[in-house]
PDB file of N, CA and C in Angstrom:
ATOM      1  N   MET A   1      14.699  12.872  13.371  1.00  0.00           N
ATOM      2  CA  MET A   1      14.982  13.992  14.008  1.00  0.00           C
ATOM      3  C   MET A   1      13.165  14.195  14.440  1.00  0.00           C
ATOM      4  N   ILE A   2      13.617  14.379  15.737  1.00  0.00           N
ATOM      5  CA  ILE A   2      11.885  13.935  16.413  1.00  0.00           C
ATOM      6  C   ILE A   2      12.200  14.792  17.764  1.00  0.00           C
ATOM      7  N   TYR A   3      11.142  15.837  17.793  1.00  0.00           N
ATOM      8  CA  TYR A   3      10.896  17.021  18.424  1.00  0.00           C
ATOM      9  C   TYR A   3       9.938  16.502  19.118  1.00  0.00           C
ATOM     10  N   PRO A   4       9.324  15.702  20.705  1.00  0.00           N
ATOM     11  CA  PRO A   4       7.861  14.932  20.820  1.00  0.00           C
ATOM     12  C   PRO A   4       7.811  16.296  21.417  1.00  0.00           C
ATOM     13  N   GLU A   5       8.261  17.201  22.446  1.00  0.00           N
ATOM     14  CA  GLU A   5       7.937  18.068  23.345  1.00  0.00           C
ATOM     15  C   GLU A   5       7.373  19.366  22.555  1.00  0.00           C
ATOM     16  N   GLU A   6       8.416  19.145  21.499  1.00  0.00           N
ATOM     17  CA  GLU A   6       6.416  20.162  20.641  1.00  0.00           C
ATOM     18  C   GLU A   6       5.459  19.574  19.877  1.00  0.00           C
ATOM     19  N   GLY A   7       5.294  18.158  19.920  1.00  0.00           N
ATOM     20  CA  GLY A   7       4.145  17.725  19.624  1.00  0.00           C
ATOM     21  C   GLY A   7       5.236  17.355  17.802  1.00  0.00           C
ATOM     22  N   THR A   8       5.784  17.238  17.892  1.00  0.00           N
ATOM     23  CA  THR A   8       5.854  17.305  16.170  1.00  0.00           C
ATOM     24  C   THR A   8       7.045  15.892  16.033  1.00  0.00           C
ATOM     25  N   SER A   9       7.102  14.745  14.766  1.00  0.00           N
ATOM     26  CA  SER A   9       8.153  14.057  14.657  1.00  0.00           C
ATOM     27  C   SER A   9       8.025  14.634  12.628  1.00  0.00           C
ATOM     28  N   THR A  10       9.568  14.943  12.554  1.00  0.00           N
ATOM     29  CA  THR A  10       9.538  15.776  12.039  1.00  0.00           C
ATOM     30  C   THR A  10      10.856  14.388  10.924  1.00  0.00           C
ATOM     31  N   VAL A  11      10.600  14.203   9.083  1.00  0.00           N
ATOM     32  CA  VAL A  11      11.696  13.371   9.188  1.00  0.00           C
ATOM     33  C   VAL A  11      12.115  14.541   7.033  1.00  0.00           C
ATOM     34  N   PRO A  12      12.790  14.014   6.562  1.00  0.00           N
ATOM     35  CA  PRO A  12      13.016  14.985   5.490  1.00  0.00           C
ATOM     36  C   PRO A  12      11.803  14.711   4.556  1.00  0.00           C
ATOM     37  N   ASP A  13      10.960  13.843   4.709  1.00  0.00           N
ATOM     38  CA  ASP A  13      10.229  13.328   3.439  1.00  0.00           C
ATOM     39  C   ASP A  13       8.896  13.282   4.460  1.00  0.00           C
ATOM     40  N   GLY A  14       8.976  13.762   5.360  1.00  0.00           N
ATOM     41  CA  GLY A  14       7.526  13.032   6.020  1.00  0.00           C
ATOM     42  C   GLY A  14       7.186  13.995   7.308  1.00  0.00           C
ATOM     43  N   CYS A  15       6.379  14.188   8.652  1.00  0.00           N
ATOM     44  CA  CYS A  15       5.446  14.534   9.562  1.00  0.00           C
ATOM     45  C   CYS A  15       5.194  14.394   9.899  1.00  0.00           C
ATOM     46  N   ALA A  16       4.582  14.363  11.141  1.00  0.00           N
ATOM     47  CA  ALA A  16       3.339  14.338  12.116  1.00  0.00           C
ATOM     48  C   ALA A  16       2.984  14.870  13.391  1.00  0.00           C
ATOM     49  N   LEU A  17       2.074  14.638  13.810  1.00  0.00           N
ATOM     50  CA  LEU A  17       1.852  15.269  15.215  1.00  0.00           C
ATOM     51  C   LEU A  17       2.039  14.039  16.021  1.00  0.00           C
ATOM     52  N   VAL A  18       2.736  14.225  17.382  1.00  0.00           N
ATOM     53  CA  VAL A  18       3.093  12.979  18.899  1.00  0.00           C
ATOM     54  C   VAL A  18       1.159  13.219  18.727  1.00  0.00           C
ATOM     55  N   LYS A  19       0.262  12.620  19.228  1.00  0.00           N
ATOM     56  CA  LYS A  19      -0.879  12.191  19.604  1.00  0.00           C
ATOM     57  C   LYS A  19      -0.099  12.589  21.417  1.00  0.00           C
ATOM     58  N   GLY A  20      -0.990  13.542  21.477  1.00  0.00           N
ATOM     59  CA  GLY A  20      -1.012  14.459  23.234  1.00  0.00           C
ATOM     60  C   GLY A  20      -0.313  14.965  23.968  1.00  0.00           C
ATOM     61  N   ALA A  21       0.965  15.459  22.826  1.00  0.00           N
ATOM     62  CA  ALA A  21       2.424  16.511  23.415  1.00  0.00           C
ATOM     63  C   ALA A  21       1.741  17.814  23.583  1.00  0.00           C
ATOM     64  N   PRO A  22       1.858  18.278  24.372  1.00  0.00           N
ATOM     65  CA  PRO A  22       1.831  19.121  24.764  1.00  0.00           C
ATOM     66  C   PRO A  22       2.537  20.504  22.959  1.00  0.00           C
ATOM     67  N   HIS A  23       1.557  21.652  23.365  1.00  0.00           N
ATOM     68  CA  HIS A  23       1.848  23.202  22.433  1.00  0.00           C
ATOM     69  C   HIS A  23       1.820  22.764  20.968  1.00  0.00           C
ATOM     70  N   GLU A  24       0.533  22.069  20.768  1.00  0.00           N
ATOM     71  CA  GLU A  24      -0.672  21.618  19.358  1.00  0.00           C
ATOM     72  C   GLU A  24      -0.029  22.436  18.104  1.00  0.00           C
ATOM     73  N   ALA A  25      -1.180  23.690  18.980  1.00  0.00           N
ATOM     74  CA  ALA A  25      -0.773  24.195  17.452  1.00  0.00           C
ATOM     75  C   ALA A  25       0.740  25.259  16.454  1.00  0.00           C
ATOM     76  N   ASN A  26       1.858  25.393  17.864  1.00  0.00           N
ATOM     77  CA  ASN A  26       2.629  25.724  17.388  1.00  0.00           C
ATOM     78  C   ASN A  26       3.638  23.911  16.684  1.00  0.00           C
ATOM     79  N   ALA A  27       2.500  23.214  16.970  1.00  0.00           N
ATOM     80  CA  ALA A  27       3.399  21.957  16.153  1.00  0.00           C
ATOM     81  C   ALA A  27       2.421  21.670  14.809  1.00  0.00           C
ATOM     82  N   LYS A  28       0.852  22.742  14.625  1.00  0.00           N
ATOM     83  CA  LYS A  28       0.667  22.431  13.352  1.00  0.00           C
ATOM     84  C   LYS A  28       1.350  23.972  12.482  1.00  0.00           C
ATOM     85  N   LEU A  29       1.501  24.461  13.429  1.00  0.00           N
ATOM     86  CA  LEU A  29       2.470  25.603  12.028  1.00  0.00           C
ATOM     87  C   LEU A  29       3.372  25.116  11.715  1.00  0.00           C
ATOM     88  N   PHE A  30       4.377  24.444  12.143  1.00  0.00           N
ATOM     89  CA  PHE A  30       5.685  23.267  11.589  1.00  0.00           C
ATOM     90  C   PHE A  30       5.482  22.708  11.009  1.00  0.00           C
ATOM     91  N   ILE A  31       4.368  21.843  11.084  1.00  0.00           N
ATOM     92  CA  ILE A  31       4.019  20.737   9.987  1.00  0.00           C
ATOM     93  C   ILE A  31       3.933  21.634   8.488  1.00  0.00           C
ATOM     94  N   ASP A  32       2.711  22.373   9.039  1.00  0.00           N
ATOM     95  CA  ASP A  32       2.463  23.638   7.680  1.00  0.00           C
ATOM     96  C   ASP A  32       3.346  24.309   7.289  1.00  0.00           C
ATOM     97  N   PHE A  33       4.553  24.317   8.168  1.00  0.00           N
ATOM     98  CA  PHE A  33       6.451  25.008   7.525  1.00  0.00           C
ATOM     99  C   PHE A  33       6.800  23.806   6.743  1.00  0.00           C
ATOM    100  N   THR A  34       7.079  22.859   7.238  1.00  0.00           N
ATOM    101  CA  THR A  34       7.172  21.687   6.383  1.00  0.00           C
ATOM    102  C   THR A  34       6.905  20.920   5.031  1.00  0.00           C
ATOM    103  N   VAL A  35       5.496  21.571   5.133  1.00  0.00           N
ATOM    104  CA  VAL A  35       4.940  20.879   3.212  1.00  0.00           C
ATOM    105  C   VAL A  35       4.535  22.248   2.624  1.00  0.00           C
ATOM    106  N   SER A  36       5.000  23.221   3.397  1.00  0.00           N
ATOM    107  CA  SER A  36       5.281  24.127   2.171  1.00  0.00           C
ATOM    108  C   SER A  36       5.747  24.134   0.382  1.00  0.00           C
ATOM    109  N   ASP A  37       5.166  24.598  -0.322  1.00  0.00           N
ATOM    110  CA  ASP A  37       5.775  24.420  -1.419  1.00  0.00           C
ATOM    111  C   ASP A  37       7.436  24.478  -1.130  1.00  0.00           C
ATOM    112  N   ASP A  38       7.356  25.618  -0.629  1.00  0.00           N
ATOM    113  CA  ASP A  38       9.127  26.352  -0.515  1.00  0.00           C
ATOM    114  C   ASP A  38       9.675  25.045   0.283  1.00  0.00           C
ATOM    115  N   VAL A  39       9.524  24.677   1.219  1.00  0.00           N
ATOM    116  CA  VAL A  39      10.376  23.486   2.025  1.00  0.00           C
ATOM    117  C   VAL A  39      10.187  22.313   0.652  1.00  0.00           C
ATOM    118  N   GLN A  40       9.224  22.143  -0.129  1.00  0.00           N
ATOM    119  CA  GLN A  40       9.173  20.548  -0.752  1.00  0.00           C
ATOM    120  C   GLN A  40       9.718  20.654  -1.500  1.00  0.00           C
ATOM    121  N   ASN A  41       9.918  21.700  -2.443  1.00  0.00           N
ATOM    122  CA  ASN A  41      10.917  22.608  -3.158  1.00  0.00           C
ATOM    123  C   ASN A  41      12.215  21.730  -3.095  1.00  0.00           C
ATOM    124  N   LEU A  42      12.621  22.449  -2.218  1.00  0.00           N
ATOM    125  CA  LEU A  42      14.259  22.709  -1.268  1.00  0.00           C
ATOM    126  C   LEU A  42      14.752  20.513  -0.770  1.00  0.00           C
ATOM    127  N   ILE A  43      13.701  20.329  -0.879  1.00  0.00           N
ATOM    128  CA  ILE A  43      13.700  18.585  -0.414  1.00  0.00           C
ATOM    129  C   ILE A  43      14.312  18.385  -1.518  1.00  0.00           C
ATOM    130  N   MET A  44      13.722  19.007  -2.304  1.00  0.00           N
ATOM    131  CA  MET A  44      13.783  17.739  -3.832  1.00  0.00           C
ATOM    132  C   MET A  44      14.852  18.112  -4.218  1.00  0.00           C
ATOM    133  N   ASP A  45      15.039  19.576  -4.126  1.00  0.00           N
ATOM    134  CA  ASP A  45      16.046  19.700  -5.215  1.00  0.00           C
ATOM    135  C   ASP A  45      17.483  19.719  -4.320  1.00  0.00           C
ATOM    136  N   GLN A  46      17.792  19.967  -3.276  1.00  0.00           N
ATOM    137  CA  GLN A  46      18.786  19.686  -2.403  1.00  0.00           C
ATOM    138  C   GLN A  46      19.352  18.162  -1.778  1.00  0.00           C
ATOM    139  N   PHE A  47      17.898  17.532  -1.278  1.00  0.00           N
ATOM    140  CA  PHE A  47      18.007  16.436  -0.841  1.00  0.00           C
ATOM    141  C   PHE A  47      17.690  15.117  -2.014  1.00  0.00           C
ATOM    142  N   CYS A  48      17.435  15.731  -2.674  1.00  0.00           N
ATOM    143  CA  CYS A  48      17.141  14.112  -3.640  1.00  0.00           C
ATOM    144  C   CYS A  48      15.921  13.908  -3.792  1.00  0.00           C
ATOM    145  N   ARG A  49      15.034  14.191  -2.473  1.00  0.00           N
ATOM    146  CA  ARG A  49      14.024  13.150  -1.867  1.00  0.00           C
ATOM    147  C   ARG A  49      12.987  13.260  -2.026  1.00  0.00           C
ATOM    148  N   ARG A  50      11.885  12.635  -2.505  1.00  0.00           N
ATOM    149  CA  ARG A  50      10.649  12.919  -3.122  1.00  0.00           C
ATOM    150  C   ARG A  50       9.993  13.844  -1.961  1.00  0.00           C
ATOM    151  N   THR A  51       8.419  14.405  -2.566  1.00  0.00           N
ATOM    152  CA  THR A  51       7.452  15.209  -1.562  1.00  0.00           C
ATOM    153  C   THR A  51       6.500  14.123  -1.211  1.00  0.00           C
ATOM    154  N   VAL A  52       6.168  15.024  -0.029  1.00  0.00           N
ATOM    155  CA  VAL A  52       4.905  13.927  -0.053  1.00  0.00           C
ATOM    156  C   VAL A  52       3.284  14.967  -0.581  1.00  0.00           C
ATOM    157  N   ARG A  53       3.750  15.900  -0.963  1.00  0.00           N
ATOM    158  CA  ARG A  53       2.913  16.496  -1.207  1.00  0.00           C
ATOM    159  C   ARG A  53       2.539  15.375  -2.880  1.00  0.00           C
ATOM    160  N   LYS A  54       1.331  15.152  -3.413  1.00  0.00           N
ATOM    161  CA  LYS A  54       0.872  14.819  -4.910  1.00  0.00           C
ATOM    162  C   LYS A  54       0.621  16.250  -5.607  1.00  0.00           C
ATOM    163  N   ASP A  55       0.487  17.505  -5.434  1.00  0.00           N
ATOM    164  CA  ASP A  55      -0.089  18.578  -6.341  1.00  0.00           C
ATOM    165  C   ASP A  55       1.573  19.073  -6.529  1.00  0.00           C
ATOM    166  N   LEU A  56       2.400  18.590  -6.226  1.00  0.00           N
ATOM    167  CA  LEU A  56       4.162  19.353  -7.090  1.00  0.00           C
ATOM    168  C   LEU A  56       4.698  18.026  -7.665  1.00  0.00           C
ATOM    169  N   GLN A  57       5.645  18.315  -9.172  1.00  0.00           N
ATOM    170  CA  GLN A  57       5.866  18.039 -10.285  1.00  0.00           C
ATOM    171  C   GLN A  57       7.296  17.553  -9.138  1.00  0.00           C
ATOM    172  N   MET A  58       7.198  16.064  -9.416  1.00  0.00           N
ATOM    173  CA  MET A  58       8.855  15.248  -8.459  1.00  0.00           C
ATOM    174  C   MET A  58      10.055  15.751  -9.701  1.00  0.00           C
ATOM    175  N   LYS A  59      10.920  16.092  -9.131  1.00  0.00           N
ATOM    176  CA  LYS A  59      12.110  16.548  -9.615  1.00  0.00           C
ATOM    177  C   LYS A  59      13.026  14.756  -9.634  1.00  0.00           C
ATOM    178  N   THR A  60      12.906  14.313 -11.197  1.00  0.00           N
ATOM    179  CA  THR A  60      14.276  12.976 -11.136  1.00  0.00           C
ATOM    180  C   THR A  60      15.499  12.787 -11.886  1.00  0.00           C
ATOM    181  N   ALA A  61      16.052  12.845 -12.470  1.00  0.00           N
ATOM    182  CA  ALA A  61      16.766  12.618 -12.984  1.00  0.00           C
ATOM    183  C   ALA A  61      16.893  11.264 -14.414  1.00  0.00           C
ATOM    184  N   GLY A  62      17.030  11.202 -14.934  1.00  0.00           N
ATOM    185  CA  GLY A  62      16.239   9.899 -16.036  1.00  0.00           C
ATOM    186  C   GLY A  62      15.022   9.020 -15.535  1.00  0.00           C
ATOM    187  N   GLU A  63      15.357   8.267 -15.412  1.00  0.00           N
ATOM    188  CA  GLU A  63      14.138   7.185 -15.291  1.00  0.00           C
ATOM    189  C   GLU A  63      12.707   7.454 -13.891  1.00  0.00           C
ATOM    190  N   GLU A  64      11.944   7.530 -13.870  1.00  0.00           N
ATOM    191  CA  GLU A  64      11.422   7.660 -12.556  1.00  0.00           C
ATOM    192  C   GLU A  64      12.194   6.958 -11.217  1.00  0.00           C
ATOM    193  N   MET A  65      11.083   7.850 -10.027  1.00  0.00           N
ATOM    194  CA  MET A  65      11.989   7.091  -9.029  1.00  0.00           C
ATOM    195  C   MET A  65      10.664   6.228  -8.174  1.00  0.00           C
ATOM    196  N   LYS A  66      11.545   4.945  -8.147  1.00  0.00           N
ATOM    197  CA  LYS A  66      10.880   3.715  -7.584  1.00  0.00           C
ATOM    198  C   LYS A  66      10.266   4.531  -6.374  1.00  0.00           C
ATOM    199  N   ILE A  67       8.718   3.733  -5.546  1.00  0.00           N
ATOM    200  CA  ILE A  67       8.854   4.133  -4.350  1.00  0.00           C
ATOM    201  C   ILE A  67       7.720   2.670  -4.002  1.00  0.00           C
ATOM    202  N   MET A  68       8.328   2.546  -2.813  1.00  0.00           N
ATOM    203  CA  MET A  68       7.994   0.669  -2.361  1.00  0.00           C
ATOM    204  C   MET A  68       7.194   1.495  -0.752  1.00  0.00           C
ATOM    205  N   ASP A  69       5.911   0.061  -0.855  1.00  0.00           N
ATOM    206  CA  ASP A  69       5.454   0.234   0.278  1.00  0.00           C
ATOM    207  C   ASP A  69       6.622   0.310   1.887  1.00  0.00           C
ATOM    208  N   PHE A  70       6.570   0.664   2.768  1.00  0.00           N
ATOM    209  CA  PHE A  70       6.851   0.969   3.870  1.00  0.00           C
ATOM    210  C   PHE A  70       6.155   0.216   5.129  1.00  0.00           C
ATOM    211  N   ASP A  71       6.178  -0.572   6.064  1.00  0.00           N
ATOM    212  CA  ASP A  71       5.500  -0.737   7.160  1.00  0.00           C
ATOM    213  C   ASP A  71       6.272  -0.268   8.296  1.00  0.00           C
ATOM    214  N   LEU A  72       5.387   0.280   8.917  1.00  0.00           N
ATOM    215  CA  LEU A  72       6.427   1.242  10.132  1.00  0.00           C
ATOM    216  C   LEU A  72       6.022   0.224  11.182  1.00  0.00           C
ATOM    217  N   LYS A  73       4.910  -0.295  11.432  1.00  0.00           N
ATOM    218  CA  LYS A  73       4.535  -1.372  12.663  1.00  0.00           C
ATOM    219  C   LYS A  73       5.692  -1.920  12.478  1.00  0.00           C
ATOM    220  N   TRP A  74       5.516  -2.430  11.189  1.00  0.00           N
ATOM    221  CA  TRP A  74       6.850  -3.768  11.169  1.00  0.00           C
ATOM    222  C   TRP A  74       8.120  -3.501  11.617  1.00  0.00           C
ATOM    223  N   ALA A  75       8.623  -2.508  10.895  1.00  0.00           N
ATOM    224  CA  ALA A  75      10.095  -2.372  11.016  1.00  0.00           C
ATOM    225  C   ALA A  75      10.304  -1.812  12.590  1.00  0.00           C
ATOM    226  N   SER A  76       8.877  -1.137  13.303  1.00  0.00           N
ATOM    227  CA  SER A  76       9.396  -0.924  15.089  1.00  0.00           C
ATOM    228  C   SER A  76       8.841  -2.139  15.518  1.00  0.00           C
ATOM    229  N   ALA A  77       8.417  -2.684  15.080  1.00  0.00           N
ATOM    230  CA  ALA A  77       8.403  -4.156  16.036  1.00  0.00           C
ATOM    231  C   ALA A  77       9.732  -5.282  16.121  1.00  0.00           C
ATOM    232  N   HIS A  78       9.987  -5.064  14.520  1.00  0.00           N
ATOM    233  CA  HIS A  78      11.998  -5.754  14.391  1.00  0.00           C
ATOM    234  C   HIS A  78      12.525  -4.825  14.460  1.00  0.00           C
ATOM    235  N   GLN A  79      12.839  -3.597  15.768  1.00  0.00           N
ATOM    236  CA  GLN A  79      13.637  -3.383  15.596  1.00  0.00           C
ATOM    237  C   GLN A  79      15.173  -3.623  15.621  1.00  0.00           C
ATOM    238  N   ASP A  80      15.105  -4.504  16.498  1.00  0.00           N
ATOM    239  CA  ASP A  80      16.710  -5.234  16.995  1.00  0.00           C
ATOM    240  C   ASP A  80      16.916  -5.731  15.444  1.00  0.00           C
ATOM    241  N   GLU A  81      16.214  -6.689  15.335  1.00  0.00           N
ATOM    242  CA  GLU A  81      16.508  -7.108  14.211  1.00  0.00           C
ATOM    243  C   GLU A  81      17.219  -6.822  12.985  1.00  0.00           C
ATOM    244  N   ILE A  82      16.537  -5.581  12.441  1.00  0.00           N
ATOM    245  CA  ILE A  82      16.536  -4.795  11.617  1.00  0.00           C
ATOM    246  C   ILE A  82      17.832  -4.461  11.407  1.00  0.00           C
ATOM    247  N   LEU A  83      18.241  -3.281  13.105  1.00  0.00           N
ATOM    248  CA  LEU A  83      19.754  -2.869  13.447  1.00  0.00           C
ATOM    249  C   LEU A  83      20.447  -3.784  13.132  1.00  0.00           C
ATOM    250  N   ALA A  84      20.418  -5.518  14.013  1.00  0.00           N
ATOM    251  CA  ALA A  84      21.050  -6.367  13.531  1.00  0.00           C
ATOM    252  C   ALA A  84      21.894  -6.420  12.352  1.00  0.00           C
ATOM    253  N   LEU A  85      20.533  -6.859  11.451  1.00  0.00           N
ATOM    254  CA  LEU A  85      20.753  -7.000   9.742  1.00  0.00           C
ATOM    255  C   LEU A  85      22.239  -5.727   9.343  1.00  0.00           C
ATOM    256  N   TRP A  86      21.604  -4.348   9.326  1.00  0.00           N
ATOM    257  CA  TRP A  86      22.394  -3.379   9.335  1.00  0.00           C
ATOM    258  C   TRP A  86      23.665  -3.514   9.020  1.00  0.00           C
ATOM    259  N   SER A  87      24.183  -3.732  10.875  1.00  0.00           N
ATOM    260  CA  SER A  87      25.075  -4.416  11.088  1.00  0.00           C
ATOM    261  C   SER A  87      26.154  -4.893  10.536  1.00  0.00           C
ATOM    262  N   GLU A  88      25.942  -6.022  10.339  1.00  0.00           N
ATOM    263  CA  GLU A  88      26.267  -7.385   9.583  1.00  0.00           C
ATOM    264  C   GLU A  88      26.501  -6.499   7.960  1.00  0.00           C
ATOM    265  N   LEU A  89      25.539  -5.572   7.719  1.00  0.00           N
ATOM    266  CA  LEU A  89      25.283  -5.185   6.426  1.00  0.00           C
ATOM    267  C   LEU A  89      27.065  -3.878   6.154  1.00  0.00           C
ATOM    268  N   ILE A  90      27.144  -3.210   7.329  1.00  0.00           N
ATOM    269  CA  ILE A  90      28.103  -2.345   6.728  1.00  0.00           C
ATOM    270  C   ILE A  90      29.043  -2.822   7.433  1.00  0.00           C
ATOM    271  N   ARG A  91      29.978  -3.904   7.604  1.00  0.00           N
ATOM    272  CA  ARG A  91      31.344  -4.253   8.307  1.00  0.00           C
ATOM    273  C   ARG A  91      31.790  -4.677   6.711  1.00  0.00           C
TER     274      ARG A  91
END
């Protein structure tokens, strides 16, 4: 989900301020909420997603969750190629 008018961008396992967006104070409150203990535990429990916080214990079943690096700038620059490949894979 993206809320550029409020100055925030959020996904289930992270969030960020959009530079120069209005309502910076409200955006910061929203980010504080999304990274709170309660919300991060809910994300782990209900969506099986990893937390963005290093002080919370990961809740995984079985073996440890594998974490990979993701180059957002590269992915953004190659968006069309990635979406075309995804379309081929889901057919």
